[in-house]
Amino acid sequence: MIRQKGSILIASIWALSVFSVFIASLGFEGAQHALLMKREIQNLETKSLFLSGLNLASQKIFSDSLPHEDSKQEDWYGDIILPEPWKENLSIHVEDEESKLNLNAAPQAFLESFLKLFEEEVDSLKGERKDFVTQILKARGKQRIRSLEELYLLEDLEREDIEKLKPYLTVYPDLAPININTAKPLILEALIESLPGDDLAKGELLRKITEFLETKKEGIAQSFASKDLDPNAFQEKLKLTASPQMLSLVNQFLPFMTTDSRTYRLSVKAKAGKEAEAIIREKGEGFGMEVMSWNEH
């Protein structure tokens, strides 16, 4: 009888222990579920915030009063000033993709010149310049390079080098021209250096462009208008030396130039710490924007 009561007691204790574990597991699962739900809601709120930012930036770009004459003086360029309530929760930086070297369009001499100047003026590369150029030409010969991430898959390209070069490179614009008003100085220098012609004329052309863009009138930096990209107007505006060498150089240089940007990189940061990056492009006059790339991290 005592043995039987002992067995019942042991069984009861065991059942109670199992039940306690079961209840505890329910509580744990409930807490985990609540935590997951909270995170999911936060993710949805952040995504909604990102999409609002994307829409605000697109509206600013699309409502530009001079859509064919884009420069760093535009209110959509750089860090955008956002209205409430987004201002307190979001920051957006806009960069012009036409300010960079387009890997799908740049001539071989331009690629070589850029890499040479990069090593001389910015930083050394781990890999060989000729290998980088060879791989780019080989890749785009097969099909269009659709993202800079594809560079990591190419042979003979060092990951460290790609990271260094990425701020100067793009693959997204459909057209080859570079925006003369927003172009990175190293890109303009590399392009001019890559053209056939007199070295003195090249030096003068680069210097005069740089001086013009850095000169301010009433506190605002100057920029080129689309009409200024006519060879005669361009030479007159910059007061370039009237020589056959300079005329030849200008006629080679201007076909690479534009003042009309159409592709933009948006870096979006939420106050909560999450970030997103988007590439957007104008679909055409009056047709709004399209998202070409979207990445959250």
C-alpha atoms as a PDB file:
ATOM      1  CA  MET A   1       0.000   0.000   0.000  1.00  0.00           C
ATOM      2  CA  ILE A   2       2.798   2.404   0.911  1.00  0.00           C
ATOM      3  CA  ARG A   3       4.619   1.374  -2.282  1.00  0.00           C
ATOM      4  CA  GLN A   4       1.475   2.073  -4.294  1.00  0.00           C
ATOM      5  CA  LYS A   5       1.066   5.550  -2.732  1.00  0.00           C
ATOM      6  CA  GLY A   6       4.727   6.218  -3.416  1.00  0.00           C
ATOM      7  CA  SER A   7       4.261   5.260  -7.045  1.00  0.00           C
ATOM      8  CA  ILE A   8       1.188   7.498  -7.338  1.00  0.00           C
ATOM      9  CA  LEU A   9       3.133  10.366  -5.744  1.00  0.00           C
ATOM     10  CA  ILE A  10       6.030   9.909  -8.138  1.00  0.00           C
ATOM     11  CA  ALA A  11       3.651   9.738 -11.096  1.00  0.00           C
ATOM     12  CA  SER A  12       1.877  12.888  -9.885  1.00  0.00           C
ATOM     13  CA  ILE A  13       5.150  14.758  -9.500  1.00  0.00           C
ATOM     14  CA  TRP A  14       6.233  13.617 -12.965  1.00  0.00           C
ATOM     15  CA  ALA A  15       2.891  14.693 -14.504  1.00  0.00           C
ATOM     16  CA  LEU A  16       3.114  18.036 -12.749  1.00  0.00           C
ATOM     17  CA  SER A  17       6.660  18.506 -14.039  1.00  0.00           C
ATOM     18  CA  VAL A  18       5.603  17.692 -17.618  1.00  0.00           C
ATOM     19  CA  PHE A  19       2.633  20.055 -17.335  1.00  0.00           C
ATOM     20  CA  SER A  20       4.903  22.823 -15.977  1.00  0.00           C
ATOM     21  CA  VAL A  21       7.326  22.335 -18.839  1.00  0.00           C
ATOM     22  CA  PHE A  22       4.405  22.437 -21.300  1.00  0.00           C
ATOM     23  CA  ILE A  23       3.037  25.656 -19.788  1.00  0.00           C
ATOM     24  CA  ALA A  24       6.523  27.177 -19.757  1.00  0.00           C
ATOM     25  CA  SER A  25       7.020  26.222 -23.405  1.00  0.00           C
ATOM     26  CA  LEU A  26       3.727  27.875 -24.291  1.00  0.00           C
ATOM     27  CA  GLY A  27       4.884  31.000 -22.504  1.00  0.00           C
ATOM     28  CA  PHE A  28       8.256  30.891 -24.289  1.00  0.00           C
ATOM     29  CA  GLU A  29       6.623  30.355 -27.683  1.00  0.00           C
ATOM     30  CA  GLY A  30       4.199  33.179 -26.950  1.00  0.00           C
ATOM     31  CA  ALA A  31       7.045  35.519 -26.070  1.00  0.00           C
ATOM     32  CA  GLN A  32       8.970  34.497 -29.174  1.00  0.00           C
ATOM     33  CA  HIS A  33       5.879  34.965 -31.312  1.00  0.00           C
ATOM     34  CA  ALA A  34       5.275  38.421 -29.825  1.00  0.00           C
ATOM     35  CA  LEU A  35       8.921  39.351 -30.460  1.00  0.00           C
ATOM     36  CA  LEU A  36       8.732  38.160 -34.068  1.00  0.00           C
ATOM     37  CA  MET A  37       5.495  40.076 -34.574  1.00  0.00           C
ATOM     38  CA  LYS A  38       7.096  43.217 -33.160  1.00  0.00           C
ATOM     39  CA  ARG A  39      10.063  42.880 -35.490  1.00  0.00           C
ATOM     40  CA  GLU A  40       7.781  42.257 -38.460  1.00  0.00           C
ATOM     41  CA  ILE A  41       5.769  45.388 -37.661  1.00  0.00           C
ATOM     42  CA  GLN A  42       9.002  47.394 -37.351  1.00  0.00           C
ATOM     43  CA  ASN A  43      10.193  46.036 -40.712  1.00  0.00           C
ATOM     44  CA  LEU A  44       6.894  47.000 -42.345  1.00  0.00           C
ATOM     45  CA  GLU A  45       7.063  50.473 -40.815  1.00  0.00           C
ATOM     46  CA  THR A  46      10.648  50.904 -42.041  1.00  0.00           C
ATOM     47  CA  LYS A  47       9.758  49.686 -45.539  1.00  0.00           C
ATOM     48  CA  SER A  48       6.818  52.089 -45.617  1.00  0.00           C
ATOM     49  CA  LEU A  49       9.163  54.879 -44.553  1.00  0.00           C
ATOM     50  CA  PHE A  50      11.673  53.926 -47.275  1.00  0.00           C
ATOM     51  CA  LEU A  51       8.963  53.911 -49.953  1.00  0.00           C
ATOM     52  CA  SER A  52       7.742  57.323 -48.780  1.00  0.00           C
ATOM     53  CA  GLY A  53      11.312  58.617 -49.053  1.00  0.00           C
ATOM     54  CA  LEU A  54      11.675  57.143 -52.524  1.00  0.00           C
ATOM     55  CA  ASN A  55       8.458  58.833 -53.589  1.00  0.00           C
ATOM     56  CA  LEU A  56       9.492  62.201 -52.094  1.00  0.00           C
ATOM     57  CA  ALA A  57      12.893  62.120 -53.829  1.00  0.00           C
ATOM     58  CA  SER A  58      11.318  61.106 -57.152  1.00  0.00           C
ATOM     59  CA  GLN A  59       8.845  63.979 -56.927  1.00  0.00           C
ATOM     60  CA  LYS A  60      11.634  66.485 -56.278  1.00  0.00           C
ATOM     61  CA  ILE A  61      13.662  65.241 -59.238  1.00  0.00           C
ATOM     62  CA  PHE A  62      10.683  65.001 -61.549  1.00  0.00           C
ATOM     63  CA  SER A  63       9.385  68.485 -60.695  1.00  0.00           C
ATOM     64  CA  ASP A  64      12.686  70.138 -61.694  1.00  0.00           C
ATOM     65  CA  SER A  65      11.885  73.377 -63.537  1.00  0.00           C
ATOM     66  CA  LEU A  66      14.862  72.855 -65.902  1.00  0.00           C
ATOM     67  CA  PRO A  67      14.867  69.070 -66.420  1.00  0.00           C
ATOM     68  CA  HIS A  68      17.531  69.137 -69.153  1.00  0.00           C
ATOM     69  CA  GLU A  69      20.027  71.241 -67.207  1.00  0.00           C
ATOM     70  CA  ASP A  70      20.936  69.335 -64.056  1.00  0.00           C
ATOM     71  CA  SER A  71      23.679  70.434 -61.682  1.00  0.00           C
ATOM     72  CA  LYS A  72      24.839  70.185 -58.068  1.00  0.00           C
ATOM     73  CA  GLN A  73      22.817  73.325 -57.309  1.00  0.00           C
ATOM     74  CA  GLU A  74      19.477  71.492 -57.697  1.00  0.00           C
ATOM     75  CA  ASP A  75      17.428  71.094 -54.501  1.00  0.00           C
ATOM     76  CA  TRP A  76      17.224  67.356 -55.164  1.00  0.00           C
ATOM     77  CA  TYR A  77      21.007  66.919 -55.365  1.00  0.00           C
ATOM     78  CA  GLY A  78      22.948  65.696 -52.335  1.00  0.00           C
ATOM     79  CA  ASP A  79      21.151  65.668 -48.970  1.00  0.00           C
ATOM     80  CA  ILE A  80      17.455  66.350 -49.539  1.00  0.00           C
ATOM     81  CA  ILE A  81      15.590  68.595 -47.106  1.00  0.00           C
ATOM     82  CA  LEU A  82      12.501  66.607 -46.161  1.00  0.00           C
ATOM     83  CA  PRO A  83       9.182  67.926 -44.802  1.00  0.00           C
ATOM     84  CA  GLU A  84       7.594  66.753 -41.566  1.00  0.00           C
ATOM     85  CA  PRO A  85       6.979  64.071 -40.402  1.00  0.00           C
ATOM     86  CA  TRP A  86       9.648  62.364 -42.521  1.00  0.00           C
ATOM     87  CA  LYS A  87      12.370  64.841 -41.560  1.00  0.00           C
ATOM     88  CA  GLU A  88      12.656  63.407 -38.050  1.00  0.00           C
ATOM     89  CA  ASN A  89      12.749  59.770 -39.122  1.00  0.00           C
ATOM     90  CA  LEU A  90      14.521  59.662 -42.463  1.00  0.00           C
ATOM     91  CA  SER A  91      17.495  61.041 -44.394  1.00  0.00           C
ATOM     92  CA  ILE A  92      18.012  60.813 -48.167  1.00  0.00           C
ATOM     93  CA  HIS A  93      21.137  61.462 -50.232  1.00  0.00           C
ATOM     94  CA  VAL A  94      20.839  61.671 -54.023  1.00  0.00           C
ATOM     95  CA  GLU A  95      23.754  61.115 -56.376  1.00  0.00           C
ATOM     96  CA  ASP A  96      23.777  61.437 -60.130  1.00  0.00           C
ATOM     97  CA  GLU A  97      24.839  58.213 -61.877  1.00  0.00           C
ATOM     98  CA  GLU A  98      25.781  60.252 -64.952  1.00  0.00           C
ATOM     99  CA  SER A  99      28.604  61.757 -62.907  1.00  0.00           C
ATOM    100  CA  LYS A 100      30.522  58.482 -63.134  1.00  0.00           C
ATOM    101  CA  LEU A 101      32.346  56.270 -65.611  1.00  0.00           C
ATOM    102  CA  ASN A 102      29.873  53.974 -67.353  1.00  0.00           C
ATOM    103  CA  LEU A 103      31.452  50.507 -67.613  1.00  0.00           C
ATOM    104  CA  ASN A 104      29.072  49.546 -70.424  1.00  0.00           C
ATOM    105  CA  ALA A 105      29.989  52.515 -72.601  1.00  0.00           C
ATOM    106  CA  ALA A 106      33.448  53.852 -71.747  1.00  0.00           C
ATOM    107  CA  PRO A 107      36.052  53.344 -74.515  1.00  0.00           C
ATOM    108  CA  GLN A 108      39.075  51.231 -73.638  1.00  0.00           C
ATOM    109  CA  ALA A 109      41.378  54.277 -73.587  1.00  0.00           C
ATOM    110  CA  PHE A 110      39.055  55.980 -71.078  1.00  0.00           C
ATOM    111  CA  LEU A 111      39.102  52.919 -68.793  1.00  0.00           C
ATOM    112  CA  GLU A 112      42.884  52.712 -68.947  1.00  0.00           C
ATOM    113  CA  SER A 113      43.318  56.434 -68.316  1.00  0.00           C
ATOM    114  CA  PHE A 114      40.927  56.359 -65.353  1.00  0.00           C
ATOM    115  CA  LEU A 115      42.694  53.444 -63.642  1.00  0.00           C
ATOM    116  CA  LYS A 116      46.103  55.057 -64.183  1.00  0.00           C
ATOM    117  CA  LEU A 117      44.978  58.375 -62.676  1.00  0.00           C
ATOM    118  CA  PHE A 118      43.190  56.586 -59.822  1.00  0.00           C
ATOM    119  CA  GLU A 119      46.446  54.935 -58.778  1.00  0.00           C
ATOM    120  CA  GLU A 120      48.381  58.191 -59.142  1.00  0.00           C
ATOM    121  CA  GLU A 121      45.898  60.455 -57.336  1.00  0.00           C
ATOM    122  CA  VAL A 122      43.726  58.285 -55.080  1.00  0.00           C
ATOM    123  CA  ASP A 123      45.057  54.881 -54.073  1.00  0.00           C
ATOM    124  CA  SER A 124      47.071  51.932 -55.353  1.00  0.00           C
ATOM    125  CA  LEU A 125      45.353  48.816 -56.652  1.00  0.00           C
ATOM    126  CA  LYS A 126      46.116  45.269 -55.627  1.00  0.00           C
ATOM    127  CA  GLY A 127      45.497  43.817 -59.083  1.00  0.00           C
ATOM    128  CA  GLU A 128      46.841  44.742 -62.491  1.00  0.00           C
ATOM    129  CA  ARG A 129      45.117  47.575 -64.379  1.00  0.00           C
ATOM    130  CA  LYS A 130      45.283  45.695 -67.672  1.00  0.00           C
ATOM    131  CA  ASP A 131      43.474  42.722 -66.097  1.00  0.00           C
ATOM    132  CA  PHE A 132      40.653  44.973 -64.920  1.00  0.00           C
ATOM    133  CA  VAL A 133      40.226  46.502 -68.383  1.00  0.00           C
ATOM    134  CA  THR A 134      40.417  43.101 -70.080  1.00  0.00           C
ATOM    135  CA  GLN A 135      37.712  41.633 -67.831  1.00  0.00           C
ATOM    136  CA  ILE A 136      35.376  44.613 -68.307  1.00  0.00           C
ATOM    137  CA  LEU A 137      35.703  44.499 -72.091  1.00  0.00           C
ATOM    138  CA  LYS A 138      35.194  40.724 -72.058  1.00  0.00           C
ATOM    139  CA  ALA A 139      32.127  40.911 -69.782  1.00  0.00           C
ATOM    140  CA  ARG A 140      30.313  43.649 -71.687  1.00  0.00           C
ATOM    141  CA  GLY A 141      31.177  41.977 -74.973  1.00  0.00           C
ATOM    142  CA  LYS A 142      28.934  39.064 -73.962  1.00  0.00           C
ATOM    143  CA  GLN A 143      26.051  41.085 -72.527  1.00  0.00           C
ATOM    144  CA  ARG A 144      25.364  44.329 -70.707  1.00  0.00           C
ATOM    145  CA  ILE A 145      26.757  44.498 -67.160  1.00  0.00           C
ATOM    146  CA  ARG A 146      23.594  44.999 -65.095  1.00  0.00           C
ATOM    147  CA  SER A 147      25.012  45.752 -61.659  1.00  0.00           C
ATOM    148  CA  LEU A 148      28.344  46.533 -60.046  1.00  0.00           C
ATOM    149  CA  GLU A 149      27.914  43.377 -57.949  1.00  0.00           C
ATOM    150  CA  GLU A 150      28.609  41.371 -61.135  1.00  0.00           C
ATOM    151  CA  LEU A 151      32.200  42.607 -60.964  1.00  0.00           C
ATOM    152  CA  TYR A 152      32.797  40.309 -57.989  1.00  0.00           C
ATOM    153  CA  LEU A 153      32.167  37.325 -60.274  1.00  0.00           C
ATOM    154  CA  LEU A 154      34.767  38.312 -62.864  1.00  0.00           C
ATOM    155  CA  GLU A 155      38.128  36.583 -62.951  1.00  0.00           C
ATOM    156  CA  ASP A 156      41.335  38.415 -61.987  1.00  0.00           C
ATOM    157  CA  LEU A 157      39.489  41.249 -60.214  1.00  0.00           C
ATOM    158  CA  GLU A 158      40.409  41.823 -56.586  1.00  0.00           C
ATOM    159  CA  ARG A 159      37.469  42.417 -54.244  1.00  0.00           C
ATOM    160  CA  GLU A 160      39.448  45.107 -52.442  1.00  0.00           C
ATOM    161  CA  ASP A 161      39.991  46.978 -55.735  1.00  0.00           C
ATOM    162  CA  ILE A 162      36.311  46.800 -56.668  1.00  0.00           C
ATOM    163  CA  GLU A 163      35.371  48.341 -53.304  1.00  0.00           C
ATOM    164  CA  LYS A 164      37.801  51.213 -53.885  1.00  0.00           C
ATOM    165  CA  LEU A 165      36.624  51.881 -57.445  1.00  0.00           C
ATOM    166  CA  LYS A 166      32.857  51.512 -56.981  1.00  0.00           C
ATOM    167  CA  PRO A 167      32.168  55.175 -56.040  1.00  0.00           C
ATOM    168  CA  TYR A 168      33.474  56.199 -59.474  1.00  0.00           C
ATOM    169  CA  LEU A 169      31.690  53.549 -61.547  1.00  0.00           C
ATOM    170  CA  THR A 170      28.189  52.914 -62.874  1.00  0.00           C
ATOM    171  CA  VAL A 171      26.435  50.497 -65.232  1.00  0.00           C
ATOM    172  CA  TYR A 172      22.894  51.864 -65.107  1.00  0.00           C
ATOM    173  CA  PRO A 173      22.565  54.778 -67.570  1.00  0.00           C
ATOM    174  CA  ASP A 174      21.452  53.650 -71.021  1.00  0.00           C
ATOM    175  CA  LEU A 175      23.371  56.447 -72.716  1.00  0.00           C
ATOM    176  CA  ALA A 176      27.106  57.111 -72.641  1.00  0.00           C
ATOM    177  CA  PRO A 177      27.309  60.886 -71.912  1.00  0.00           C
ATOM    178  CA  ILE A 178      28.583  62.186 -68.575  1.00  0.00           C
ATOM    179  CA  ASN A 179      26.987  65.196 -66.906  1.00  0.00           C
ATOM    180  CA  ILE A 180      29.650  67.901 -67.092  1.00  0.00           C
ATOM    181  CA  ASN A 181      28.059  69.760 -64.147  1.00  0.00           C
ATOM    182  CA  THR A 182      28.120  66.847 -61.715  1.00  0.00           C
ATOM    183  CA  ALA A 183      31.009  64.716 -63.010  1.00  0.00           C
ATOM    184  CA  LYS A 184      33.591  63.654 -60.492  1.00  0.00           C
ATOM    185  CA  PRO A 185      36.811  65.622 -61.213  1.00  0.00           C
ATOM    186  CA  LEU A 186      38.830  62.433 -61.665  1.00  0.00           C
ATOM    187  CA  ILE A 187      36.366  61.240 -64.334  1.00  0.00           C
ATOM    188  CA  LEU A 188      36.663  64.457 -66.363  1.00  0.00           C
ATOM    189  CA  GLU A 189      40.443  64.385 -66.046  1.00  0.00           C
ATOM    190  CA  ALA A 190      40.617  60.749 -67.163  1.00  0.00           C
ATOM    191  CA  LEU A 191      38.346  61.360 -70.148  1.00  0.00           C
ATOM    192  CA  ILE A 192      40.323  64.390 -71.364  1.00  0.00           C
ATOM    193  CA  GLU A 193      43.596  62.520 -70.844  1.00  0.00           C
ATOM    194  CA  SER A 194      42.307  59.573 -72.902  1.00  0.00           C
ATOM    195  CA  LEU A 195      41.572  61.693 -75.990  1.00  0.00           C
ATOM    196  CA  PRO A 196      44.117  62.102 -78.800  1.00  0.00           C
ATOM    197  CA  GLY A 197      45.598  65.559 -78.868  1.00  0.00           C
ATOM    198  CA  ASP A 198      48.041  68.111 -77.556  1.00  0.00           C
ATOM    199  CA  ASP A 199      48.943  67.830 -73.849  1.00  0.00           C
ATOM    200  CA  LEU A 200      48.976  71.609 -73.372  1.00  0.00           C
ATOM    201  CA  ALA A 201      45.484  71.877 -74.829  1.00  0.00           C
ATOM    202  CA  LYS A 202      44.304  69.056 -72.544  1.00  0.00           C
ATOM    203  CA  GLY A 203      45.728  70.805 -69.488  1.00  0.00           C
ATOM    204  CA  GLU A 204      44.077  74.092 -70.433  1.00  0.00           C
ATOM    205  CA  LEU A 205      40.705  72.455 -71.111  1.00  0.00           C
ATOM    206  CA  LEU A 206      40.640  70.672 -67.739  1.00  0.00           C
ATOM    207  CA  ARG A 207      41.772  73.780 -65.886  1.00  0.00           C
ATOM    208  CA  LYS A 208      39.193  76.061 -67.512  1.00  0.00           C
ATOM    209  CA  ILE A 209      36.313  73.628 -66.866  1.00  0.00           C
ATOM    210  CA  THR A 210      37.357  73.217 -63.224  1.00  0.00           C
ATOM    211  CA  GLU A 211      37.721  76.969 -62.687  1.00  0.00           C
ATOM    212  CA  PHE A 212      34.326  77.654 -64.274  1.00  0.00           C
ATOM    213  CA  LEU A 213      32.495  75.084 -62.113  1.00  0.00           C
ATOM    214  CA  GLU A 214      34.218  76.295 -58.939  1.00  0.00           C
ATOM    215  CA  THR A 215      33.549  80.001 -59.559  1.00  0.00           C
ATOM    216  CA  LYS A 216      30.532  81.349 -57.686  1.00  0.00           C
ATOM    217  CA  LYS A 217      28.205  84.157 -58.661  1.00  0.00           C
ATOM    218  CA  GLU A 218      26.156  85.607 -55.810  1.00  0.00           C
ATOM    219  CA  GLY A 219      27.221  82.656 -53.672  1.00  0.00           C
ATOM    220  CA  ILE A 220      26.062  80.021 -56.184  1.00  0.00           C
ATOM    221  CA  ALA A 221      28.463  77.860 -58.197  1.00  0.00           C
ATOM    222  CA  GLN A 222      28.174  78.188 -61.953  1.00  0.00           C
ATOM    223  CA  SER A 223      27.014  75.389 -64.224  1.00  0.00           C
ATOM    224  CA  PHE A 224      26.772  74.741 -67.949  1.00  0.00           C
ATOM    225  CA  ALA A 225      23.471  75.026 -69.802  1.00  0.00           C
ATOM    226  CA  SER A 226      22.611  72.602 -72.596  1.00  0.00           C
ATOM    227  CA  LYS A 227      23.213  75.327 -75.217  1.00  0.00           C
ATOM    228  CA  ASP A 228      26.784  75.718 -73.936  1.00  0.00           C
ATOM    229  CA  LEU A 229      27.721  72.270 -75.283  1.00  0.00           C
ATOM    230  CA  ASP A 230      27.904  73.599 -78.836  1.00  0.00           C
ATOM    231  CA  PRO A 231      31.653  73.676 -79.715  1.00  0.00           C
ATOM    232  CA  ASN A 232      31.745  77.388 -80.559  1.00  0.00           C
ATOM    233  CA  ALA A 233      29.650  78.406 -77.530  1.00  0.00           C
ATOM    234  CA  PHE A 234      31.761  76.157 -75.305  1.00  0.00           C
ATOM    235  CA  GLN A 235      35.050  77.663 -76.460  1.00  0.00           C
ATOM    236  CA  GLU A 236      33.703  81.172 -76.070  1.00  0.00           C
ATOM    237  CA  LYS A 237      32.259  80.538 -72.602  1.00  0.00           C
ATOM    238  CA  LEU A 238      35.532  79.167 -71.272  1.00  0.00           C
ATOM    239  CA  LYS A 239      37.687  81.572 -73.292  1.00  0.00           C
ATOM    240  CA  LEU A 240      39.773  78.702 -74.621  1.00  0.00           C
ATOM    241  CA  THR A 241      42.765  79.258 -76.863  1.00  0.00           C
ATOM    242  CA  ALA A 242      41.599  79.559 -80.470  1.00  0.00           C
ATOM    243  CA  SER A 243      43.878  76.931 -82.013  1.00  0.00           C
ATOM    244  CA  PRO A 244      43.340  73.912 -84.292  1.00  0.00           C
ATOM    245  CA  GLN A 245      44.564  71.658 -81.462  1.00  0.00           C
ATOM    246  CA  MET A 246      42.001  73.024 -79.007  1.00  0.00           C
ATOM    247  CA  LEU A 247      39.178  72.921 -81.542  1.00  0.00           C
ATOM    248  CA  SER A 248      39.981  69.274 -82.314  1.00  0.00           C
ATOM    249  CA  LEU A 249      40.059  68.420 -78.602  1.00  0.00           C
ATOM    250  CA  VAL A 250      36.759  70.188 -77.870  1.00  0.00           C
ATOM    251  CA  ASN A 251      35.065  68.422 -80.803  1.00  0.00           C
ATOM    252  CA  GLN A 252      36.179  65.058 -79.384  1.00  0.00           C
ATOM    253  CA  PHE A 253      35.285  65.939 -75.794  1.00  0.00           C
ATOM    254  CA  LEU A 254      31.757  67.361 -76.119  1.00  0.00           C
ATOM    255  CA  PRO A 255      30.058  64.222 -77.555  1.00  0.00           C
ATOM    256  CA  PHE A 256      30.791  62.587 -74.186  1.00  0.00           C
ATOM    257  CA  MET A 257      29.077  65.423 -72.298  1.00  0.00           C
ATOM    258  CA  THR A 258      25.493  66.198 -71.298  1.00  0.00           C
ATOM    259  CA  THR A 259      23.715  68.463 -68.825  1.00  0.00           C
ATOM    260  CA  ASP A 260      20.663  66.177 -68.648  1.00  0.00           C
ATOM    261  CA  SER A 261      20.831  63.499 -65.949  1.00  0.00           C
ATOM    262  CA  ARG A 262      18.316  60.651 -66.053  1.00  0.00           C
ATOM    263  CA  THR A 263      19.600  58.025 -63.583  1.00  0.00           C
ATOM    264  CA  TYR A 264      20.023  58.550 -59.837  1.00  0.00           C
ATOM    265  CA  ARG A 265      21.318  56.671 -56.796  1.00  0.00           C
ATOM    266  CA  LEU A 266      19.353  57.197 -53.574  1.00  0.00           C
ATOM    267  CA  SER A 267      20.904  56.369 -50.208  1.00  0.00           C
ATOM    268  CA  VAL A 268      18.131  56.223 -47.601  1.00  0.00           C
ATOM    269  CA  LYS A 269      18.676  55.951 -43.831  1.00  0.00           C
ATOM    270  CA  ALA A 270      15.967  55.431 -41.227  1.00  0.00           C
ATOM    271  CA  LYS A 271      16.347  56.795 -37.711  1.00  0.00           C
ATOM    272  CA  ALA A 272      15.994  53.229 -36.427  1.00  0.00           C
ATOM    273  CA  GLY A 273      19.319  52.384 -38.090  1.00  0.00           C
ATOM    274  CA  LYS A 274      18.254  50.511 -41.227  1.00  0.00           C
ATOM    275  CA  GLU A 275      19.491  51.641 -44.634  1.00  0.00           C
ATOM    276  CA  ALA A 276      18.382  51.175 -48.220  1.00  0.00           C
ATOM    277  CA  GLU A 277      19.854  52.019 -51.589  1.00  0.00           C
ATOM    278  CA  ALA A 278      17.906  52.466 -54.807  1.00  0.00           C
ATOM    279  CA  ILE A 279      18.725  53.229 -58.420  1.00  0.00           C
ATOM    280  CA  ILE A 280      15.905  55.092 -60.150  1.00  0.00           C
ATOM    281  CA  ARG A 281      15.618  56.233 -63.748  1.00  0.00           C
ATOM    282  CA  GLU A 282      13.379  58.601 -65.657  1.00  0.00           C
ATOM    283  CA  LYS A 283      11.256  56.507 -68.016  1.00  0.00           C
ATOM    284  CA  GLY A 284      10.863  59.397 -70.412  1.00  0.00           C
ATOM    285  CA  GLU A 285       9.540  62.915 -70.539  1.00  0.00           C
ATOM    286  CA  GLY A 286       6.292  62.985 -68.576  1.00  0.00           C
ATOM    287  CA  PHE A 287       6.349  59.259 -67.737  1.00  0.00           C
ATOM    288  CA  GLY A 288       7.744  59.387 -64.185  1.00  0.00           C
ATOM    289  CA  MET A 289      10.392  57.165 -62.613  1.00  0.00           C
ATOM    290  CA  GLU A 290      11.184  53.462 -62.541  1.00  0.00           C
ATOM    291  CA  VAL A 291      13.152  51.570 -59.891  1.00  0.00           C
ATOM    292  CA  MET A 292      16.068  49.688 -61.442  1.00  0.00           C
ATOM    293  CA  SER A 293      17.617  48.385 -58.224  1.00  0.00           C
ATOM    294  CA  TRP A 294      16.573  48.194 -54.556  1.00  0.00           C
ATOM    295  CA  ASN A 295      18.656  46.901 -51.678  1.00  0.00           C
ATOM    296  CA  GLU A 296      17.964  47.043 -47.928  1.00  0.00           C
ATOM    297  CA  HIS A 297      20.562  46.346 -45.262  1.00  0.00           C
END
